[in-house]
Amino acid sequence: MQGQPEYSGGCQCGAIRFQARGTLTDSSICHCRMCQKAFGAYFAPLVSVRGVQFSWTRGQPRYFQSSNVVRRGFCADCGTPLTYEAPDGVAVAAGAFDQPERLPPTIQYGVERKLPFVDSLASLPARRTEEDIAALDFLATNPGEEGSAKSDSRRSKSDSEPALNISIPRDGCVATYWD
């Protein structure tokens, strides 16, 4: 499979990593109730790895038998949903890929259970993560706890109080801590 596209990904905590080599063309969204529950979301975005070279490069998922024919892989450490495995093949959670933007969905399944508001999600008011920082003080760790690398430091109203440090990585998830 030399010259084939390569994809990588893994769970949120990094305990499990995977690699896929080959052209991935079957990306979908499943609205069935089982997928909603397995992902804890309104739908499950999945990418079939049928017909490509797929391997776990770090760690192995744990499995939950969600029906008599389907099992679902997940990270036992952080809970990230990773796979949907059925007799016709394996699909990987689209969000677990390092670059999910390369894998836009091409079809929707289980539309009989599609929640009525899903089609209007794009019309909701939108706010970038860094625009909502003032309202997210509750995300900050307690003073004295270890945090991650600083990317923004804001002094509190009193110079005697610790500064709130906010790290906004490329994925947009906020990490905060106190100096």
Foldseek 3Di string as FASTA:
>chain_A
DPPFDKWKFAFPVPQKIKMKGHDFDAWEKEQAPLQCVLQVHRIFIKTFRPPIDMDIPGDFFDWDASDPFWIWTAHPPPGHTFWIQGPVGIITGLVRIPCSVVPDHDYYHNCVNRDPCPVVVVVDDDDQLVVCVVVVPVQEDDPPDDWDDFDDWAADPDNVFWIKGWDQDPVRDITIYTD
